[in-house]
Amino acid sequence: MLDRKDAKWWILEAEKHPEKAADLIRLLAERLAFLDRQNEELRGELITLQRKGRGETVSAESSELQRRVQQLESALRQSGAEQRVIVYGLGRIEANKPLNATQQEGIGAEPTPDASLLICGTTAKLLVITADSRAFSIGIDHLPIPTDSPALIESPRDVIAILDQSVFEQSRYLTLVSQNGFAYSLLAGTINRIAARQDKLIRNLIPGDPIRLAIPSNNADLFAISRKGRWLRFPEKAIAGTGSQIMDLPKGDTLAGLVSLGTEGNLVFLTDEGQLFVRESSELPSRKQMGRSVGMLFHNQTLLGVATGGELNVLTRNGKLITVQSSVLPFRAQTEEGIRLPGLADDDLVLTFYAR
């Protein structure tokens, strides 16, 4: 459904960055496949509703479906370059801006220390998770756009994770991680039904230990890294039905990040100071059980997190957005010293990141 005019942005980007051409084509194909599939599903629902109406006034539900179909058809006609940057904290939206503008201008303010980052399409359907594990399904157009100050999210409250459902739907499981490093594994097939009821994903959530992280997963190995560099790789099936502690960490150390390893490949680590490190996942063996770390992967570093995606979008404490392709990082990233994040100012530090 794309003509030459629609694909202009993609062509220009491929010409300017030939090393990204394969990633651009893959991203465009995945986006179109998801939008086309969602479009057909919504058309089917709309036809069913209209038949039930037997010519009567179209209901509010039918009108909403019509609006959604129009949005999707518009997105299919676009080049796919329309992406938005969502910066959010506990119960608030700090930025909701076009990706291109954010890469050039930043988010326009200094984000709060606990801010998180999401990059998605302008018509994305989102899975929202709260601190008490409640799940909600909303459209991106339901998120407020801040002006001079962060905009509060009135409903749902206490939002801690926002996922793009086009990414989540490619996974079989969802791993939730609590503030104290307790992991819960949930079947993806049940998530949408629970979100439709705006219900809790976890009934036996430990009091005083709210959810802080949500990771789409595929019942493969999970890799965890602590702030001080302790690590553990373990099979997701090792997580008990009632949840399990990921790693027993000493006082002063906490979990920094968790990723799902569908296939072997590079792991990218980022420190608070903006140092990047690359390690091959196949060199980090899996253990059958959780609880005890394998050892120290890094010394004298404070880890912000770990990623597996080919593109890393880093939000800095000064509100800048830096995009890095992990496939083109120099060899020095594989050494003990690592490399400084390209484009990070001397007076700036990193805050959070989004990998895709």
Protein backbone atom coordinates (compact mmCIF):
# COMPACT_ATOMS: atom_id res chain seq x y z
CA MET A 1 0.00 0.00 0.00
CA LEU A 2 3.06 2.21 -0.26
CA ASP A 3 3.90 4.17 -3.38
CA ARG A 4 7.16 5.96 -4.20
CA LYS A 5 6.04 9.18 -2.53
CA ASP A 6 5.08 7.34 0.65
CA ALA A 7 8.46 5.57 0.80
CA LYS A 8 10.50 8.76 0.30
CA TRP A 9 11.64 8.93 3.92
CA TRP A 10 12.85 5.33 3.92
CA ILE A 11 14.75 5.80 0.67
CA LEU A 12 16.49 8.95 1.93
CA GLU A 13 17.46 7.28 5.19
CA ALA A 14 18.86 4.24 3.36
CA GLU A 15 20.91 6.51 1.08
CA LYS A 16 22.26 8.55 3.99
CA HIS A 17 22.98 5.50 6.15
CA PRO A 18 23.59 2.46 3.90
CA GLU A 19 24.76 0.46 6.90
CA LYS A 20 21.19 0.77 8.32
CA ALA A 21 19.39 -0.27 5.12
CA ALA A 22 18.71 -3.84 6.24
CA ASP A 23 17.42 -2.67 9.64
CA LEU A 24 15.18 -0.05 7.98
CA ILE A 25 13.66 -2.60 5.62
CA ARG A 26 13.08 -5.02 8.48
CA LEU A 27 11.46 -2.30 10.62
CA LEU A 28 9.19 -1.21 7.77
CA ALA A 29 8.14 -4.78 7.00
CA GLU A 30 7.33 -5.54 10.64
CA ARG A 31 5.37 -2.29 11.02
CA LEU A 32 3.32 -2.88 7.88
CA ALA A 33 2.62 -6.52 8.75
CA PHE A 34 1.37 -5.56 12.21
CA LEU A 35 -0.76 -2.64 10.98
CA ASP A 36 -2.24 -4.67 8.16
CA ARG A 37 -3.12 -7.55 10.50
CA GLN A 38 -4.68 -5.20 13.05
CA ASN A 39 -6.56 -3.38 10.31
CA GLU A 40 -8.14 -6.61 9.04
CA GLU A 41 -9.10 -7.70 12.57
CA LEU A 42 -10.81 -4.38 13.26
CA ARG A 43 -12.61 -4.44 9.91
CA GLY A 44 -14.00 -7.86 10.81
CA GLU A 45 -15.23 -6.59 14.18
CA LEU A 46 -16.78 -3.52 12.55
CA ILE A 47 -18.68 -5.59 9.97
CA THR A 48 -20.00 -7.88 12.73
CA LEU A 49 -21.23 -4.90 14.77
CA GLN A 50 -22.89 -3.28 11.79
CA ARG A 51 -24.73 -6.53 10.92
CA LYS A 52 -25.98 -6.82 14.49
CA GLY A 53 -27.22 -3.24 14.29
CA ARG A 54 -29.52 -4.18 11.35
CA GLY A 55 -29.41 -0.69 9.90
CA GLU A 56 -29.94 1.13 13.20
CA THR A 57 -27.80 4.03 14.35
CA VAL A 58 -24.20 2.92 14.64
CA SER A 59 -23.29 2.39 18.29
CA ALA A 60 -20.50 4.20 20.14
CA GLU A 61 -18.44 1.00 20.00
CA SER A 62 -18.86 0.77 16.25
CA SER A 63 -17.92 4.44 15.86
CA GLU A 64 -14.75 3.86 17.87
CA LEU A 65 -13.84 0.93 15.62
CA GLN A 66 -14.41 3.04 12.54
CA ARG A 67 -12.11 5.71 13.96
CA ARG A 68 -9.44 3.09 14.67
CA VAL A 69 -9.68 1.63 11.16
CA GLN A 70 -9.26 5.11 9.67
CA GLN A 71 -6.17 5.67 11.83
CA LEU A 72 -4.64 2.38 10.73
CA GLU A 73 -5.36 3.00 7.05
CA SER A 74 -3.74 6.40 7.40
CA ALA A 75 -0.71 4.80 9.01
CA LEU A 76 -0.45 2.24 6.22
CA ARG A 77 -0.42 5.06 3.68
CA GLN A 78 2.36 6.85 5.54
CA SER A 79 6.04 6.06 5.16
CA GLY A 80 6.26 4.66 8.67
CA ALA A 81 8.63 7.46 9.70
CA GLU A 82 6.04 8.86 12.11
CA GLN A 83 7.29 7.72 15.49
CA ARG A 84 6.74 9.25 18.91
CA VAL A 85 8.94 9.44 21.98
CA ILE A 86 7.14 8.89 25.28
CA VAL A 87 9.01 9.77 28.47
CA TYR A 88 7.07 8.72 31.55
CA GLY A 89 7.45 8.31 35.29
CA LEU A 90 5.27 6.92 38.04
CA GLY A 91 1.78 8.14 37.08
CA ARG A 92 2.90 10.93 34.74
CA ILE A 93 3.96 11.73 31.16
CA GLU A 94 7.02 13.98 30.93
CA ALA A 95 7.27 14.13 27.13
CA ASN A 96 5.17 13.00 24.16
CA LYS A 97 6.92 14.25 21.01
CA PRO A 98 7.77 13.17 17.45
CA LEU A 99 10.97 11.13 17.27
CA ASN A 100 12.66 13.32 14.65
CA ALA A 101 12.05 16.50 16.67
CA THR A 102 13.27 14.85 19.87
CA GLN A 103 16.50 13.65 18.24
CA GLN A 104 17.19 17.22 17.16
CA GLU A 105 15.91 19.24 20.13
CA GLY A 106 15.71 16.84 23.07
CA ILE A 107 12.57 16.56 25.19
CA GLY A 108 12.68 20.25 26.15
CA ALA A 109 13.27 19.70 29.87
CA GLU A 110 15.36 17.69 32.29
CA PRO A 111 13.65 14.35 32.96
CA THR A 112 13.14 13.14 36.51
CA PRO A 113 15.56 10.48 37.83
CA ASP A 114 12.99 7.66 37.65
CA ALA A 115 11.86 8.38 34.07
CA SER A 116 11.35 5.58 31.53
CA LEU A 117 11.40 5.71 27.73
CA LEU A 118 9.20 4.29 24.96
CA ILE A 119 9.38 4.80 21.17
CA CYS A 120 6.39 3.67 19.11
CA GLY A 121 4.19 4.53 16.13
CA THR A 122 1.64 7.32 16.14
CA THR A 123 -1.24 4.83 16.07
CA ALA A 124 0.24 2.32 18.50
CA LYS A 125 -1.90 0.29 20.84
CA LEU A 126 -0.29 0.18 24.26
CA LEU A 127 -0.21 -2.24 27.16
CA VAL A 128 0.01 -0.27 30.40
CA ILE A 129 1.03 -1.87 33.71
CA THR A 130 0.74 -0.27 37.14
CA ALA A 131 2.76 -0.75 40.33
CA ASP A 132 0.12 -3.10 41.77
CA SER A 133 0.30 -5.21 38.54
CA ARG A 134 -2.96 -4.01 36.98
CA ALA A 135 -3.00 -4.17 33.17
CA PHE A 136 -4.74 -1.78 30.77
CA SER A 137 -5.02 -1.61 26.99
CA ILE A 138 -5.13 1.94 25.58
CA GLY A 139 -4.36 3.85 22.40
CA ILE A 140 -1.41 6.20 22.24
CA ASP A 141 -3.83 9.05 21.55
CA HIS A 142 -5.16 8.59 25.09
CA LEU A 143 -1.83 9.72 26.57
CA PRO A 144 -1.61 13.43 27.46
CA ILE A 145 0.88 15.75 25.75
CA PRO A 146 2.75 17.83 28.36
CA THR A 147 3.41 21.53 27.81
CA ASP A 148 5.42 23.35 30.48
CA SER A 149 5.36 20.59 33.08
CA PRO A 150 4.70 16.81 33.32
CA ALA A 151 1.09 15.77 32.69
CA LEU A 152 -0.50 13.47 35.26
CA ILE A 153 -2.09 10.26 34.05
CA GLU A 154 -5.48 10.31 35.71
CA SER A 155 -6.40 6.78 34.65
CA PRO A 156 -4.76 4.39 35.14
CA ARG A 157 -2.79 5.67 38.14
CA ASP A 158 0.73 4.65 39.22
CA VAL A 159 1.86 3.60 35.73
CA ILE A 160 5.32 1.98 35.84
CA ALA A 161 5.57 0.30 32.40
CA ILE A 162 4.18 1.08 28.94
CA LEU A 163 4.71 -1.51 26.18
CA ASP A 164 4.01 -1.29 22.47
CA GLN A 165 1.61 -4.18 21.83
CA SER A 166 3.06 -4.74 18.33
CA VAL A 167 6.30 -5.74 20.11
CA PHE A 168 4.57 -7.63 22.91
CA GLU A 169 2.44 -9.70 20.50
CA GLN A 170 5.60 -11.29 19.09
CA SER A 171 6.31 -12.81 22.53
CA ARG A 172 4.85 -15.83 24.31
CA TYR A 173 5.37 -14.62 27.86
CA LEU A 174 5.65 -11.49 29.95
CA THR A 175 8.14 -11.29 32.81
CA LEU A 176 7.38 -8.81 35.59
CA VAL A 177 10.09 -7.75 38.04
CA SER A 178 9.41 -6.19 41.42
CA GLN A 179 11.31 -3.44 43.20
CA ASN A 180 13.22 -6.02 45.27
CA GLY A 181 14.14 -8.20 42.27
CA PHE A 182 11.33 -10.76 42.46
CA ALA A 183 10.33 -12.20 39.04
CA TYR A 184 6.92 -13.41 37.82
CA SER A 185 6.35 -15.16 34.47
CA LEU A 186 2.94 -14.86 32.77
CA LEU A 187 1.51 -16.36 29.58
CA ALA A 188 1.07 -13.65 26.96
CA GLY A 189 -2.23 -15.16 25.83
CA THR A 190 -3.86 -14.27 29.15
CA ILE A 191 -2.60 -10.67 29.27
CA ASN A 192 -5.08 -9.16 26.79
CA ARG A 193 -8.05 -10.75 28.57
CA ILE A 194 -6.86 -9.43 31.92
CA ALA A 195 -6.18 -5.98 30.42
CA ALA A 196 -9.72 -5.90 29.01
CA ARG A 197 -11.00 -6.29 32.60
CA GLN A 198 -8.37 -3.82 33.90
CA ASP A 199 -7.51 -6.46 36.46
CA LYS A 200 -4.37 -7.52 38.34
CA LEU A 201 -1.82 -9.72 36.59
CA ILE A 202 -0.50 -11.02 39.92
CA ARG A 203 -2.82 -11.94 42.76
CA ASN A 204 -0.10 -12.86 45.26
CA LEU A 205 2.09 -9.76 44.86
CA ILE A 206 4.27 -9.35 47.95
CA PRO A 207 3.05 -6.39 50.06
CA GLY A 208 5.42 -3.44 49.93
CA ASP A 209 7.22 -4.80 46.85
CA PRO A 210 5.58 -3.14 43.80
CA ILE A 211 6.25 -4.01 40.17
CA ARG A 212 8.94 -1.89 38.53
CA LEU A 213 9.78 -3.64 35.23
CA ALA A 214 7.95 -5.53 32.45
CA ILE A 215 9.88 -7.63 29.87
CA PRO A 216 8.32 -9.40 26.84
CA SER A 217 9.88 -12.89 26.79
CA ASN A 218 9.71 -16.23 24.95
CA ASN A 219 10.30 -18.91 27.60
CA ALA A 220 13.99 -18.90 26.69
CA ASP A 221 16.93 -17.85 28.85
CA LEU A 222 16.80 -14.60 30.81
CA PHE A 223 19.92 -12.58 31.57
CA ALA A 224 20.12 -10.38 34.66
CA ILE A 225 22.76 -7.82 35.64
CA SER A 226 23.10 -5.92 38.93
CA ARG A 227 24.19 -2.34 39.44
CA LYS A 228 27.62 -3.51 40.62
CA GLY A 229 28.12 -5.96 37.74
CA ARG A 230 26.95 -9.28 39.20
CA TRP A 231 25.19 -11.43 36.62
CA LEU A 232 23.08 -14.52 36.15
CA ARG A 233 21.69 -16.32 33.12
CA PHE A 234 18.85 -18.76 33.76
CA PRO A 235 15.89 -20.41 31.93
CA GLU A 236 12.59 -18.56 32.30
CA LYS A 237 10.90 -21.84 33.23
CA ALA A 238 12.94 -21.75 36.47
CA ILE A 239 10.61 -19.00 37.74
CA ALA A 240 8.11 -20.57 40.12
CA GLY A 241 4.38 -20.14 39.59
CA THR A 242 4.22 -17.83 42.60
CA GLY A 243 7.38 -15.95 41.55
CA SER A 244 11.09 -16.27 42.38
CA GLN A 245 13.96 -14.10 43.59
CA ILE A 246 16.28 -13.47 40.63
CA MET A 247 19.55 -12.94 42.52
CA ASP A 248 20.55 -12.77 46.16
CA LEU A 249 22.46 -9.49 46.20
CA PRO A 250 24.52 -8.00 49.02
CA LYS A 251 23.54 -4.78 50.73
CA GLY A 252 24.21 -1.79 48.49
CA ASP A 253 23.60 -3.69 45.24
CA THR A 254 20.31 -3.96 43.31
CA LEU A 255 19.08 -5.39 40.02
CA ALA A 256 19.91 -3.07 37.10
CA GLY A 257 18.33 -4.88 34.16
CA LEU A 258 16.83 -8.06 32.73
CA VAL A 259 16.57 -9.16 29.08
CA SER A 260 15.17 -12.17 27.26
CA LEU A 261 17.64 -14.11 25.09
CA GLY A 262 15.70 -15.55 22.16
CA THR A 263 18.92 -16.31 20.27
CA GLU A 264 22.62 -15.93 20.96
CA GLY A 265 24.10 -12.55 20.06
CA ASN A 266 25.62 -9.40 21.48
CA LEU A 267 24.60 -7.98 24.83
CA VAL A 268 25.07 -4.21 25.19
CA PHE A 269 25.70 -2.81 28.67
CA LEU A 270 25.42 0.86 29.61
CA THR A 271 26.77 2.54 32.75
CA ASP A 272 25.53 5.64 34.58
CA GLU A 273 28.58 7.52 33.31
CA GLY A 274 27.82 6.68 29.68
CA GLN A 275 30.28 3.85 29.03
CA LEU A 276 29.19 1.17 26.55
CA PHE A 277 30.32 -2.45 26.71
CA VAL A 278 29.55 -5.32 24.32
CA ARG A 279 29.74 -8.99 25.33
CA GLU A 280 28.79 -12.13 23.39
CA SER A 281 25.90 -13.92 25.13
CA SER A 282 27.19 -17.38 24.10
CA GLU A 283 30.21 -16.81 26.34
CA LEU A 284 27.93 -16.40 29.39
CA PRO A 285 26.66 -19.88 30.37
CA SER A 286 23.19 -20.54 31.73
CA ARG A 287 22.50 -22.00 35.17
CA LYS A 288 19.53 -24.22 35.94
CA GLN A 289 18.56 -22.36 39.08
CA MET A 290 18.01 -18.77 40.17
CA GLY A 291 19.17 -17.02 43.30
CA ARG A 292 22.96 -17.04 43.22
CA SER A 293 24.92 -14.84 40.81
CA VAL A 294 27.60 -16.44 38.64
CA GLY A 295 30.15 -13.74 39.43
CA MET A 296 31.23 -10.21 38.53
CA LEU A 297 31.10 -9.33 34.84
CA PHE A 298 32.28 -5.76 35.47
CA HIS A 299 34.39 -4.19 38.21
CA ASN A 300 34.39 -0.56 39.32
CA GLN A 301 31.37 0.23 37.14
CA THR A 302 27.79 1.21 38.02
CA LEU A 303 25.51 -0.47 35.49
CA LEU A 304 22.35 1.24 34.25
CA GLY A 305 21.10 -1.80 32.34
CA VAL A 306 21.51 -4.30 29.51
CA ALA A 307 19.95 -4.57 26.03
CA THR A 308 19.80 -6.99 23.11
CA GLY A 309 18.25 -4.74 20.43
CA GLY A 310 20.13 -3.57 17.35
CA GLU A 311 19.24 0.06 18.07
CA LEU A 312 19.77 1.78 21.39
CA ASN A 313 17.93 5.04 22.13
CA VAL A 314 19.45 6.71 25.17
CA LEU A 315 17.82 9.51 27.15
CA THR A 316 20.34 11.69 29.01
CA ARG A 317 19.91 13.67 32.21
CA ASN A 318 19.96 16.89 30.18
CA GLY A 319 16.96 15.65 28.17
CA LYS A 320 18.84 14.71 24.99
CA LEU A 321 18.00 11.61 22.95
CA ILE A 322 20.99 9.75 21.45
CA THR A 323 20.46 6.89 18.98
CA VAL A 324 23.19 4.27 18.52
CA GLN A 325 23.33 1.21 16.26
CA SER A 326 24.95 -1.56 18.30
CA SER A 327 26.11 -3.36 15.14
CA VAL A 328 28.50 -0.51 14.25
CA LEU A 329 30.08 0.00 17.67
CA PRO A 330 33.88 -0.16 17.46
CA PHE A 331 35.86 -3.15 18.74
CA ARG A 332 36.88 -1.16 21.84
CA ALA A 333 33.38 -1.76 23.20
CA GLN A 334 34.38 -5.41 23.68
CA THR A 335 37.37 -4.51 25.85
CA GLU A 336 37.53 -4.00 29.61
CA GLU A 337 37.55 -0.20 29.13
CA GLY A 338 34.54 -0.05 26.78
CA ILE A 339 33.73 3.17 24.89
CA ARG A 340 31.96 6.39 25.77
CA LEU A 341 28.47 6.74 24.33
CA PRO A 342 28.89 8.55 20.99
CA GLY A 343 27.39 12.04 21.14
CA LEU A 344 27.22 12.26 24.95
CA ALA A 345 28.36 15.69 26.14
CA ASP A 346 31.13 15.92 28.74
CA ASP A 347 28.77 17.56 31.25
CA ASP A 348 25.96 15.03 30.70
CA LEU A 349 25.11 11.56 32.02
CA VAL A 350 22.72 8.84 30.87
CA LEU A 351 19.35 8.29 32.53
CA THR A 352 17.48 5.50 30.74
CA PHE A 353 17.26 3.80 27.35
CA TYR A 354 14.94 1.95 24.99
CA ALA A 355 16.24 -0.87 22.78
CA ARG A 356 14.60 -2.11 19.59
